[in-house]
Amino acid sequence: MKIQSLSGAKRRRRAVFTGTAVLRLRVLLRKTLRSGTVSFFLTGLFLLTGCIPLTPPPSPTAEPTTFILVTDTNNAIPSSTPFQVRTPTKVFTRTATAVPSATETLTPSPTPSPLAPLPEREENSHPQYTLVAELDYVARILDVEEKIVYTNQTGIKLDSLVLVVEANRYSDTFVLRSLAVNNFITIPTLEGAWMEIPLGAGLKPNESITIDIVYSLNIPAKHHEDVFGYLSDYQINIVNWYPFVAPYTHQQGWVLHEPSGVGEHLVYETSDFDVTLKLEGDDDLVVAASALGVESESGTRYELAGARAFVFSISSILSSQTLASEKASVTSFYYPNYEYAGEGILEAASKAIDIYSDRFAPYPYESLSIVQTHLPDGMEYDGLIFMGSEFYEEYDGTMKNNLTSIGVHEVSHQWWFGLVGSDQALEPWLDEALSLYSERIYYETTYPFPVKWWWRFRVTWFSPSGWVDTSIYDGYAFRGYTDAVYLRGAQFLEEIRFRIGEKAFNTFLKDYASSYAQKIATSDDFFETLDRNTDQDYSDIVAQYFSE
């Protein structure tokens, strides 16, 4: 659907209405209320310590070389594919009569009195997660006591609260011991990753509650395509390991998507984490985490504020090196005999943080951990990224290698995922296209010559096709999905940059990062921010890359 603008350059915007009738009405009303114009924008259902400190290299100048729109010539030698399909997990159907998934039966206390909320918290209060976890490394069992302080920011009264229990998607993994709301034992329903907790008399806007959960994880063996799980006796990766509150929108309700054969499906609210980890097992175990740890008698304490997720990796064989700068402390964790590659990605990631901090926004955390693991690609989390071992094996010390290019891609997700959130299932282009294009920004800033080779190495050799606003549910296999969302997405951003100019494009990126920091941005938000920073008509570019 296309509607002609009534003012300015009379640019056209397409509105992609794939949601409910309510979403259609919301978009229409907002657009028509804009300062005397009728303007439709595109919309869509669119990683501790260091043991060997190194001397940091000089920080590169953040200004890029002269911008050149590159040509799409094919590369005769393809690089290994940087993105791999993740094996889909079982899809669960929610039912109102679901029972808790636990080996121990929860015994309810007498019927509680109506829910007594905590005092009102300040506006925009993040969910607060306090987790005390004890890991038996040999037995591969994680025992957890979790406290969630949740403030209702939805604007409506809530009769129930939905938590995401991703570990429950794995067979015989999540064992619920007890759950209490404001100290009253409560029986939730649990089916797949969907845990629904009744709230008694309800939770009014800006009121807060405390949820206490005691549970255990029987950590499963790690599949090659997955991050979560153990690798023999030398590494355990712990991700999406705690129940967390699902985001809520008036259009979708509780946002909890099912996995697909491609991409990521989880959506996270910005939250604050206070995590204490105690280890049972080898005294020489190495821990890589989303934040720097402080040792105490009760374990190692980690604090991370304004993040989407908290993860860690524990290993008996990892070595590490650290580079510290004013912007962040970066630590590379790598397997034996991979010191050369471990140093290489450490230096590249440190440079990337300097560059992206200048081009987008200040680095949002105090540290970054880069962890080698067996994985067919890379995977981002707040303050920690995982990188596949194959990239370390292939590393040759040059700039044209997957460890560097994909490594700085994952680093950029600290901005395009961590700082600025989005719906990774319905609008994956918002973080993935920006992160792929951030590779280009890294290389153009680091190396004093045009980056045509990067386009051939990472994009045009694949002759990508498809719509940028593809979701993970649109039926694409791995190649088609990545071509459309990642590669075509980067081409779209290149054309936008060339059309609106270097100054406007750089200002747009900073505006987008600052405007939607610690929020969940949408495609509407992206294009509204773009329009604030240019008067150029780019509707023809949108029509070329996005579906009707």
Protein backbone atom coordinates (compact mmCIF):
# COMPACT_ATOMS: atom_id res chain seq x y z
CA MET A 1 0.00 0.00 0.00
CA LYS A 2 1.49 3.33 -1.03
CA ILE A 3 0.26 6.80 -0.15
CA GLN A 4 1.69 10.02 -1.51
CA SER A 5 2.99 12.52 1.05
CA LEU A 6 1.22 15.88 0.96
CA SER A 7 4.22 18.01 1.91
CA GLY A 8 7.97 18.54 1.41
CA ALA A 9 9.44 16.43 -1.36
CA LYS A 10 6.22 14.44 -1.50
CA ARG A 11 8.06 11.24 -0.67
CA ARG A 12 6.13 8.03 -0.63
CA ARG A 13 6.15 5.50 2.18
CA ARG A 14 4.88 1.99 2.06
CA ALA A 15 2.96 0.59 4.96
CA VAL A 16 3.20 -3.16 5.34
CA PHE A 17 0.15 -4.26 7.20
CA THR A 18 0.75 -7.83 8.32
CA GLY A 19 -0.55 -7.58 11.85
CA THR A 20 -3.97 -7.34 13.35
CA ALA A 21 -6.61 -4.75 12.61
CA VAL A 22 -5.57 -2.98 15.80
CA LEU A 23 -2.04 -2.60 14.50
CA ARG A 24 -3.40 -1.19 11.25
CA LEU A 25 -5.42 1.40 13.13
CA ARG A 26 -2.52 2.33 15.42
CA VAL A 27 -0.17 2.97 12.54
CA LEU A 28 -2.78 4.94 10.60
CA LEU A 29 -3.70 7.17 13.51
CA ARG A 30 -0.10 7.97 14.39
CA LYS A 31 0.82 8.79 10.85
CA THR A 32 -2.09 11.13 10.27
CA LEU A 33 -1.35 13.13 13.40
CA ARG A 34 2.08 14.27 12.22
CA SER A 35 2.34 18.07 11.86
CA GLY A 36 -0.03 18.53 9.01
CA THR A 37 1.29 15.73 6.84
CA VAL A 38 0.08 12.31 5.87
CA SER A 39 3.24 10.22 5.80
CA PHE A 40 3.46 6.45 5.85
CA PHE A 41 6.68 4.85 6.97
CA LEU A 42 7.71 1.30 6.51
CA THR A 43 6.48 -0.99 9.26
CA GLY A 44 6.82 -4.74 9.62
CA LEU A 45 6.32 -7.61 11.86
CA PHE A 46 10.31 -6.62 11.31
CA LEU A 47 29.63 -11.03 25.96
CA LEU A 48 37.09 -12.25 33.41
CA THR A 49 39.51 -11.38 34.18
CA GLY A 50 42.57 -11.12 31.97
CA CYS A 51 45.70 -13.04 32.75
CA ILE A 52 48.09 -11.44 30.24
CA PRO A 53 47.44 -7.74 29.81
CA LEU A 54 48.51 -6.40 26.45
CA THR A 55 49.38 -2.88 25.48
CA PRO A 56 46.43 -1.54 23.55
CA PRO A 57 47.08 -0.45 19.98
CA PRO A 58 46.43 3.19 19.16
CA SER A 59 42.74 3.87 18.83
CA PRO A 60 41.83 4.40 15.19
CA THR A 61 40.35 7.65 14.12
CA ALA A 62 36.64 7.22 14.03
CA GLU A 63 36.15 9.17 10.81
CA PRO A 64 35.88 6.91 7.78
CA THR A 65 37.75 7.27 4.55
CA THR A 66 36.02 8.98 1.69
CA PHE A 67 32.72 7.27 1.12
CA ILE A 68 32.39 5.37 -2.14
CA LEU A 69 29.36 3.47 -3.35
CA VAL A 70 30.91 0.14 -4.30
CA THR A 71 30.18 -2.04 -7.29
CA ASP A 72 28.72 -5.52 -7.09
CA THR A 73 31.39 -7.65 -8.73
CA ASN A 74 31.54 -11.33 -7.85
CA ASN A 75 34.37 -12.88 -5.88
CA ALA A 76 35.83 -15.97 -7.54
CA ILE A 77 36.61 -17.65 -4.21
CA PRO A 78 33.72 -17.74 -1.76
CA SER A 79 34.32 -17.35 1.94
CA SER A 80 32.83 -19.89 4.27
CA THR A 81 29.27 -19.01 5.04
CA PRO A 82 29.22 -16.77 8.10
CA PHE A 83 25.77 -17.65 9.28
CA GLN A 84 24.39 -21.10 9.94
CA VAL A 85 20.91 -22.36 10.48
CA ARG A 86 20.03 -23.32 14.01
CA THR A 87 18.25 -26.61 14.42
CA PRO A 88 14.64 -25.86 15.31
CA THR A 89 13.51 -27.02 18.70
CA LYS A 90 10.17 -28.53 19.41
CA VAL A 91 7.26 -26.14 19.15
CA PHE A 92 4.96 -26.23 22.14
CA THR A 93 1.31 -25.33 22.13
CA ARG A 94 0.12 -23.35 25.13
CA THR A 95 -2.92 -24.63 26.96
CA ALA A 96 -4.81 -23.14 29.83
CA THR A 97 -4.60 -26.38 31.80
CA ALA A 98 -0.83 -26.84 31.60
CA VAL A 99 0.91 -28.02 34.77
CA PRO A 100 4.38 -27.14 36.11
CA SER A 101 7.29 -29.03 34.58
CA ALA A 102 9.05 -30.35 37.68
CA THR A 103 10.22 -33.53 39.27
CA GLU A 104 9.02 -32.27 42.64
CA THR A 105 5.35 -31.51 43.15
CA LEU A 106 4.64 -28.00 44.34
CA THR A 107 2.43 -27.95 47.41
CA PRO A 108 0.30 -24.84 47.56
CA SER A 109 -0.21 -22.95 50.76
CA PRO A 110 -3.73 -22.02 51.79
CA THR A 111 -5.41 -19.66 49.37
CA PRO A 112 -3.61 -16.34 49.77
CA SER A 113 -5.24 -13.05 50.43
CA PRO A 114 -5.47 -10.67 47.49
CA LEU A 115 -2.12 -9.75 46.03
CA ALA A 116 -0.44 -6.95 47.97
CA PRO A 117 1.81 -5.06 45.55
CA LEU A 118 5.02 -3.35 46.61
CA PRO A 119 5.12 0.45 46.68
CA GLU A 120 5.13 2.14 43.30
CA ARG A 121 8.53 2.40 41.64
CA GLU A 122 9.83 5.19 39.46
CA GLU A 123 8.64 5.38 35.89
CA ASN A 124 10.56 3.26 33.35
CA SER A 125 11.85 0.97 36.09
CA HIS A 126 13.58 -2.08 34.61
CA PRO A 127 12.90 -5.62 35.76
CA GLN A 128 15.42 -6.51 38.46
CA TYR A 129 16.93 -10.01 38.52
CA THR A 130 18.88 -11.28 41.52
CA LEU A 131 20.25 -14.77 40.95
CA VAL A 132 22.27 -16.97 43.28
CA ALA A 133 23.52 -19.97 41.31
CA GLU A 134 25.63 -22.96 42.33
CA LEU A 135 27.12 -25.07 39.56
CA ASP A 136 28.27 -28.64 40.11
CA TYR A 137 30.63 -28.75 37.14
CA VAL A 138 31.15 -32.51 37.15
CA ALA A 139 27.49 -33.40 37.64
CA ARG A 140 26.43 -30.58 35.27
CA ILE A 141 23.68 -29.38 37.59
CA LEU A 142 22.92 -25.72 38.20
CA ASP A 143 20.87 -24.91 41.32
CA VAL A 144 19.37 -21.43 41.28
CA GLU A 145 17.51 -19.12 43.63
CA GLU A 146 16.04 -16.26 41.63
CA LYS A 147 14.28 -13.09 42.72
CA ILE A 148 12.48 -10.90 40.20
CA VAL A 149 11.22 -7.44 41.08
CA TYR A 150 8.81 -6.45 38.35
CA THR A 151 7.09 -3.11 37.90
CA ASN A 152 4.05 -2.97 35.68
CA GLN A 153 4.94 -0.59 32.87
CA THR A 154 2.23 -1.76 30.48
CA GLY A 155 -0.27 0.97 31.32
CA ILE A 156 -2.99 -1.59 32.04
CA LYS A 157 -3.91 -3.80 34.98
CA LEU A 158 -2.35 -7.28 34.73
CA ASP A 159 -4.18 -10.35 35.99
CA SER A 160 -1.24 -12.63 35.24
CA LEU A 161 2.43 -12.42 34.36
CA VAL A 162 4.19 -14.42 31.66
CA LEU A 163 7.77 -15.61 32.10
CA VAL A 164 9.98 -17.08 29.40
CA VAL A 165 11.54 -20.38 30.52
CA GLU A 166 13.68 -21.20 27.52
CA ALA A 167 15.47 -24.05 29.32
CA ASN A 168 12.17 -25.90 29.44
CA ARG A 169 12.36 -26.42 25.70
CA TYR A 170 15.10 -28.98 26.41
CA SER A 171 13.92 -32.37 27.60
CA ASP A 172 14.35 -33.11 31.34
CA THR A 173 16.36 -29.92 31.90
CA PHE A 174 14.27 -27.44 33.91
CA VAL A 175 13.15 -28.60 37.38
CA LEU A 176 10.91 -26.17 39.25
CA ARG A 177 11.21 -26.47 43.05
CA SER A 178 9.04 -23.58 44.21
CA LEU A 179 7.57 -20.27 43.12
CA ALA A 180 6.18 -17.49 45.30
CA VAL A 181 4.61 -14.13 44.51
CA ASN A 182 5.08 -11.62 47.32
CA ASN A 183 5.89 -14.58 49.62
CA PHE A 184 2.75 -16.53 48.70
CA ILE A 185 3.36 -19.93 47.12
CA THR A 186 1.82 -19.83 43.67
CA ILE A 187 1.20 -22.56 41.13
CA PRO A 188 2.02 -21.41 37.60
CA THR A 189 1.09 -23.06 34.36
CA LEU A 190 4.07 -24.12 32.28
CA GLU A 191 4.04 -25.37 28.73
CA GLY A 192 7.16 -25.20 26.62
CA ALA A 193 8.80 -21.87 27.39
CA TRP A 194 5.53 -20.21 28.44
CA MET A 195 5.08 -19.87 32.21
CA GLU A 196 2.01 -17.96 33.31
CA ILE A 197 1.70 -16.79 36.91
CA PRO A 198 -1.70 -15.71 38.29
CA LEU A 199 -1.61 -12.39 40.13
CA GLY A 200 -4.61 -12.69 42.39
CA ALA A 201 -6.29 -9.31 42.59
CA GLY A 202 -4.08 -8.08 39.77
CA LEU A 203 -1.21 -5.64 39.32
CA LYS A 204 -2.06 -2.03 38.50
CA PRO A 205 0.14 0.21 36.35
CA ASN A 206 3.38 1.27 38.12
CA GLU A 207 2.82 -1.21 40.96
CA SER A 208 5.56 -3.75 41.70
CA ILE A 209 5.70 -7.36 42.81
CA THR A 210 8.44 -9.76 43.87
CA ILE A 211 8.66 -13.25 42.43
CA ASP A 212 10.90 -15.86 44.07
CA ILE A 213 11.75 -18.96 42.07
CA VAL A 214 13.84 -21.95 43.13
CA TYR A 215 14.80 -24.35 40.40
CA SER A 216 17.53 -26.59 39.00
CA LEU A 217 18.90 -27.15 35.53
CA ASN A 218 20.16 -30.52 34.41
CA ILE A 219 22.46 -29.12 31.75
CA PRO A 220 22.13 -31.06 28.51
CA ALA A 221 24.82 -32.01 26.05
CA LYS A 222 25.40 -29.16 23.61
CA HIS A 223 24.34 -29.63 20.02
CA HIS A 224 26.69 -28.09 17.48
CA GLU A 225 24.13 -25.53 16.34
CA ASP A 226 23.19 -24.51 19.90
CA VAL A 227 25.13 -22.44 22.43
CA PHE A 228 23.49 -23.82 25.58
CA GLY A 229 24.88 -27.05 27.05
CA TYR A 230 28.09 -28.88 27.94
CA LEU A 231 30.96 -29.96 25.71
CA SER A 232 32.41 -33.21 27.09
CA ASP A 233 34.26 -32.29 30.32
CA TYR A 234 35.91 -29.07 29.13
CA GLN A 235 33.20 -26.40 28.69
CA ILE A 236 29.68 -25.53 29.80
CA ASN A 237 27.83 -22.64 28.17
CA ILE A 238 24.97 -21.20 30.20
CA VAL A 239 22.61 -18.97 28.20
CA ASN A 240 18.91 -18.20 28.57
CA TRP A 241 19.12 -20.07 31.86
CA TYR A 242 16.73 -18.14 34.09
CA PRO A 243 13.02 -17.41 33.72
CA PHE A 244 12.54 -13.81 32.62
CA VAL A 245 9.49 -11.62 32.11
CA ALA A 246 8.29 -11.53 28.54
CA PRO A 247 7.89 -8.09 26.96
CA TYR A 248 4.33 -6.84 26.66
CA THR A 249 2.85 -4.73 23.88
CA HIS A 250 -0.73 -3.63 23.37
CA GLN A 251 -0.64 -5.01 19.84
CA GLN A 252 0.74 -8.50 20.55
CA GLY A 253 0.19 -8.96 24.27
CA TRP A 254 2.95 -11.04 25.83
CA VAL A 255 5.73 -11.39 23.25
CA LEU A 256 7.02 -14.94 23.34
CA HIS A 257 7.79 -16.39 19.93
CA GLU A 258 8.39 -19.99 19.00
CA PRO A 259 11.74 -21.01 17.51
CA SER A 260 12.18 -21.42 13.80
CA GLY A 261 14.76 -23.18 11.67
CA VAL A 262 16.55 -19.87 11.11
CA GLY A 263 17.47 -16.80 13.14
CA GLU A 264 16.73 -15.95 16.76
CA HIS A 265 13.26 -15.83 18.26
CA LEU A 266 13.59 -14.27 21.73
CA VAL A 267 12.72 -10.68 22.57
CA TYR A 268 14.14 -9.15 25.76
CA GLU A 269 13.28 -6.13 27.84
CA THR A 270 16.20 -4.13 29.21
CA SER A 271 16.86 -5.40 32.75
CA ASP A 272 19.30 -5.13 35.65
CA PHE A 273 21.19 -8.20 36.88
CA ASP A 274 22.85 -9.09 40.20
CA VAL A 275 24.33 -12.59 39.83
CA THR A 276 26.32 -14.63 42.34
CA LEU A 277 27.97 -17.79 41.02
CA LYS A 278 29.50 -20.52 43.17
CA LEU A 279 31.39 -23.39 41.57
CA GLU A 280 31.83 -26.94 42.74
CA GLY A 281 34.60 -28.83 40.97
CA ASP A 282 38.09 -28.10 39.69
CA ASP A 283 39.72 -25.12 41.42
CA ASP A 284 41.20 -24.07 38.08
CA LEU A 285 37.90 -23.55 36.30
CA VAL A 286 37.78 -20.40 34.16
CA VAL A 287 34.62 -18.31 34.01
CA ALA A 288 33.77 -15.93 31.20
CA ALA A 289 30.71 -13.82 31.92
CA SER A 290 28.68 -10.85 30.74
CA ALA A 291 30.29 -8.65 33.42
CA LEU A 292 33.42 -8.45 35.53
CA GLY A 293 33.26 -10.52 38.72
CA VAL A 294 34.16 -9.69 42.31
CA GLU A 295 35.24 -12.60 44.49
CA SER A 296 33.69 -13.17 47.91
CA GLU A 297 33.24 -16.02 50.39
CA SER A 298 29.83 -16.80 48.94
CA GLY A 299 31.06 -16.91 45.34
CA THR A 300 31.74 -14.49 42.51
CA ARG A 301 29.34 -11.59 42.16
CA TYR A 302 28.53 -9.98 38.83
CA GLU A 303 26.46 -6.84 38.30
CA LEU A 304 25.16 -5.77 34.91
CA ALA A 305 22.70 -2.92 34.44
CA GLY A 306 20.65 -2.03 31.40
CA ALA A 307 21.14 -5.31 29.56
CA ARG A 308 18.99 -7.80 27.73
CA ALA A 309 20.53 -11.00 29.11
CA PHE A 310 23.25 -12.34 31.41
CA VAL A 311 25.26 -15.37 30.29
CA PHE A 312 28.47 -17.18 31.14
CA SER A 313 30.79 -19.98 30.02
CA ILE A 314 32.78 -22.20 32.38
CA SER A 315 35.76 -24.23 31.19
CA SER A 316 38.68 -26.32 32.41
CA ILE A 317 40.86 -25.51 29.38
CA LEU A 318 40.29 -21.89 28.37
CA SER A 319 43.18 -19.41 28.46
CA SER A 320 42.69 -15.66 28.29
CA GLN A 321 44.26 -12.33 27.42
CA THR A 322 42.90 -8.87 28.17
CA LEU A 323 43.07 -5.44 26.59
CA ALA A 324 41.82 -2.58 28.73
CA SER A 325 40.98 0.89 27.51
CA GLU A 326 38.94 3.83 28.68
CA LYS A 327 35.93 2.45 26.84
CA ALA A 328 35.96 -1.18 27.99
CA SER A 329 37.98 -4.11 29.28
CA VAL A 330 38.02 -6.79 26.58
CA THR A 331 39.03 -10.38 27.33
CA SER A 332 39.57 -13.13 24.78
CA PHE A 333 39.02 -16.69 26.00
CA TYR A 334 40.41 -19.41 23.73
CA TYR A 335 41.30 -23.09 23.61
CA PRO A 336 44.90 -24.43 23.87
CA ASN A 337 47.01 -23.82 20.75
CA TYR A 338 44.80 -20.95 19.56
CA GLU A 339 46.71 -18.07 21.16
CA TYR A 340 47.46 -16.41 17.81
CA ALA A 341 43.83 -16.29 16.79
CA GLY A 342 42.79 -15.38 20.33
CA GLU A 343 45.07 -12.34 20.19
CA GLY A 344 43.81 -11.44 16.74
CA ILE A 345 40.16 -11.29 17.68
CA LEU A 346 41.05 -9.47 20.90
CA GLU A 347 42.71 -6.65 18.99
CA ALA A 348 39.97 -6.49 16.37
CA ALA A 349 37.19 -6.40 18.96
CA SER A 350 38.95 -3.67 20.93
CA LYS A 351 39.28 -1.56 17.79
CA ALA A 352 35.65 -2.20 16.96
CA ILE A 353 34.52 -0.95 20.35
CA ASP A 354 36.49 2.26 19.82
CA ILE A 355 35.03 2.77 16.36
CA TYR A 356 31.44 1.94 17.20
CA SER A 357 31.57 4.02 20.38
CA ASP A 358 32.40 7.03 18.24
CA ARG A 359 30.04 6.25 15.38
CA PHE A 360 26.96 5.01 17.26
CA ALA A 361 26.99 5.64 21.02
CA PRO A 362 29.30 4.98 23.98
CA TYR A 363 29.87 1.28 24.63
CA PRO A 364 27.00 0.34 26.94
CA TYR A 365 28.89 -1.98 29.33
CA GLU A 366 32.16 -2.09 31.27
CA SER A 367 33.56 -5.23 29.68
CA LEU A 368 33.32 -7.66 26.78
CA SER A 369 34.19 -11.35 26.83
CA ILE A 370 34.94 -13.21 23.59
CA VAL A 371 34.61 -16.97 24.04
CA GLN A 372 35.74 -19.72 21.71
CA THR A 373 33.35 -22.63 21.53
CA HIS A 374 32.17 -25.25 19.09
CA LEU A 375 29.60 -23.39 17.03
CA PRO A 376 29.05 -22.98 13.29
CA ASP A 377 28.96 -19.18 13.56
CA GLY A 378 29.02 -16.41 16.16
CA MET A 379 26.39 -15.54 18.75
CA GLU A 380 25.87 -12.33 20.66
CA TYR A 381 24.77 -11.63 24.20
CA ASP A 382 25.22 -8.55 26.36
CA GLY A 383 28.88 -8.23 27.33
CA LEU A 384 29.78 -11.62 25.86
CA ILE A 385 30.02 -13.11 22.39
CA PHE A 386 30.66 -16.69 21.36
CA MET A 387 32.77 -17.45 18.29
CA GLY A 388 32.97 -20.76 16.44
CA SER A 389 36.20 -22.77 16.60
CA GLU A 390 36.37 -23.10 12.83
CA PHE A 391 37.04 -19.38 12.57
CA TYR A 392 40.04 -19.75 14.92
CA GLU A 393 41.37 -22.63 12.85
CA GLU A 394 41.10 -20.61 9.64
CA TYR A 395 42.58 -17.40 11.06
CA ASP A 396 45.59 -16.23 9.04
CA GLY A 397 46.28 -12.85 10.60
CA THR A 398 45.01 -10.88 7.63
CA MET A 399 42.01 -8.60 7.57
CA LYS A 400 40.14 -10.88 5.19
CA ASN A 401 39.03 -13.68 7.48
CA ASN A 402 35.84 -14.76 9.17
CA LEU A 403 37.17 -14.48 12.73
CA THR A 404 37.68 -10.76 12.26
CA SER A 405 34.69 -9.93 10.10
CA ILE A 406 32.17 -12.00 12.02
CA GLY A 407 33.85 -11.04 15.30
CA VAL A 408 33.31 -7.32 14.75
CA HIS A 409 29.80 -8.14 13.53
CA GLU A 410 29.03 -9.75 16.88
CA VAL A 411 30.68 -6.85 18.70
CA SER A 412 28.33 -4.44 16.94
CA HIS A 413 25.40 -6.38 18.37
CA GLN A 414 26.31 -4.75 21.70
CA TRP A 415 24.62 -1.73 20.12
CA TRP A 416 22.19 -3.38 17.69
CA PHE A 417 20.64 -5.85 20.16
CA GLY A 418 22.05 -4.91 23.55
CA LEU A 419 21.60 -1.14 23.56
CA VAL A 420 18.82 -0.94 20.98
CA GLY A 421 16.54 -3.93 21.19
CA SER A 422 14.16 -5.23 18.55
CA ASP A 423 11.92 -8.16 17.76
CA GLN A 424 14.45 -10.68 16.44
CA ALA A 425 11.74 -12.99 15.15
CA LEU A 426 9.42 -10.65 13.30
CA GLU A 427 11.86 -7.86 12.40
CA PRO A 428 15.31 -9.48 12.34
CA TRP A 429 16.67 -6.99 9.83
CA LEU A 430 16.71 -4.25 12.46
CA ASP A 431 19.69 -5.78 14.25
CA GLU A 432 21.21 -8.09 11.64
CA ALA A 433 21.36 -5.70 8.69
CA LEU A 434 22.80 -2.98 10.90
CA SER A 435 25.36 -5.39 12.38
CA LEU A 436 26.48 -6.64 8.98
CA TYR A 437 26.78 -3.08 7.74
CA SER A 438 28.75 -2.24 10.89
CA GLU A 439 31.45 -4.57 9.56
CA ARG A 440 31.77 -2.22 6.60
CA ILE A 441 32.10 0.74 8.94
CA TYR A 442 34.83 -1.10 10.90
CA TYR A 443 36.87 -1.87 7.80
CA GLU A 444 36.49 1.53 6.15
CA THR A 445 37.70 3.18 9.36
CA THR A 446 40.54 0.76 10.08
CA TYR A 447 42.05 0.44 6.62
CA PRO A 448 42.89 3.49 4.46
CA PHE A 449 41.45 2.28 1.18
CA PRO A 450 38.05 1.40 -0.29
CA VAL A 451 36.38 -1.79 0.88
CA LYS A 452 35.14 -3.32 -2.36
CA TRP A 453 36.79 -6.59 -1.32
CA TRP A 454 34.57 -6.69 1.79
CA TRP A 455 31.46 -6.49 -0.33
CA ARG A 456 32.66 -9.36 -2.51
CA PHE A 457 33.86 -11.39 0.50
CA ARG A 458 30.71 -10.97 2.57
CA VAL A 459 27.85 -9.94 0.33
CA THR A 460 27.82 -9.88 -3.43
CA TRP A 461 29.46 -13.25 -4.11
CA PHE A 462 26.22 -14.81 -2.88
CA SER A 463 24.12 -12.79 -5.34
CA PRO A 464 21.53 -12.22 -2.61
CA SER A 465 17.84 -11.80 -3.26
CA GLY A 466 14.67 -11.51 -1.21
CA TRP A 467 12.89 -8.93 0.89
CA VAL A 468 14.76 -7.29 3.75
CA ASP A 469 11.66 -7.34 5.95
CA THR A 470 11.60 -11.15 6.02
CA SER A 471 10.70 -12.74 9.36
CA ILE A 472 12.07 -16.02 10.67
CA TYR A 473 8.69 -17.59 9.87
CA ASP A 474 8.47 -16.77 6.17
CA GLY A 475 9.52 -20.22 5.02
CA TYR A 476 13.06 -19.45 3.95
CA ALA A 477 15.86 -21.97 4.42
CA PHE A 478 19.17 -20.72 5.80
CA ARG A 479 20.59 -19.33 2.58
CA GLY A 480 17.48 -17.50 1.51
CA TYR A 481 16.91 -16.04 4.97
CA THR A 482 20.45 -14.69 5.39
CA ASP A 483 20.55 -13.41 1.83
CA ALA A 484 17.38 -11.41 2.36
CA VAL A 485 17.80 -10.14 5.91
CA TYR A 486 21.58 -9.76 6.31
CA LEU A 487 22.98 -9.24 2.84
CA ARG A 488 20.18 -7.38 1.14
CA GLY A 489 19.78 -5.44 4.36
CA ALA A 490 23.37 -4.23 4.11
CA GLN A 491 22.85 -3.29 0.47
CA PHE A 492 19.77 -1.31 1.44
CA LEU A 493 21.72 0.64 4.07
CA GLU A 494 24.48 1.34 1.55
CA GLU A 495 22.03 2.85 -0.89
CA ILE A 496 20.38 4.90 1.83
CA ARG A 497 23.79 6.21 2.89
CA PHE A 498 24.67 7.19 -0.65
CA ARG A 499 21.29 8.85 -1.20
CA ILE A 500 21.08 10.97 1.95
CA GLY A 501 24.81 11.70 2.28
CA GLU A 502 27.56 10.88 4.75
CA LYS A 503 26.77 13.54 7.32
CA ALA A 504 23.07 12.74 7.48
CA PHE A 505 23.72 9.00 7.62
CA ASN A 506 26.16 9.30 10.52
CA THR A 507 23.79 11.61 12.37
CA PHE A 508 20.95 9.16 11.77
CA LEU A 509 22.89 6.24 13.32
CA LYS A 510 23.65 8.27 16.43
CA ASP A 511 20.09 9.51 16.67
CA TYR A 512 18.67 5.99 16.33
CA ALA A 513 21.06 4.61 18.99
CA SER A 514 20.29 7.38 21.48
CA SER A 515 16.56 7.59 20.84
CA TYR A 516 15.93 3.87 21.34
CA ALA A 517 18.62 3.01 23.88
CA GLN A 518 17.24 0.43 26.35
CA LYS A 519 14.03 0.21 24.36
CA ILE A 520 12.60 -2.22 21.82
CA ALA A 521 12.64 -0.42 18.49
CA THR A 522 10.41 -1.18 15.53
CA SER A 523 10.67 -0.58 11.82
CA ASP A 524 8.43 2.45 12.28
CA ASP A 525 10.96 3.85 14.74
CA PHE A 526 13.82 3.23 12.31
CA PHE A 527 12.18 5.13 9.48
CA GLU A 528 10.87 7.93 11.67
CA THR A 529 14.44 8.50 12.88
CA LEU A 530 15.74 8.40 9.33
CA ASP A 531 13.18 10.99 8.26
CA ARG A 532 14.24 13.29 11.09
CA ASN A 533 17.71 13.36 9.58
CA THR A 534 17.06 13.80 5.87
CA ASP A 535 14.76 15.55 3.43
CA GLN A 536 15.79 13.24 0.59
CA ASP A 537 13.18 11.06 -1.06
CA TYR A 538 14.26 7.42 -0.71
CA SER A 539 10.93 5.75 -1.38
CA ASP A 540 12.27 4.07 -4.52
CA ILE A 541 14.98 2.37 -2.46
CA VAL A 542 12.43 1.16 0.06
CA ALA A 543 10.26 -0.20 -2.73
CA GLN A 544 13.25 -2.09 -4.14
CA TYR A 545 14.18 -3.83 -0.88
CA PHE A 546 10.98 -4.22 1.12
CA SER A 547 7.85 -6.24 0.41
CA GLU A 548 4.45 -4.72 -0.24
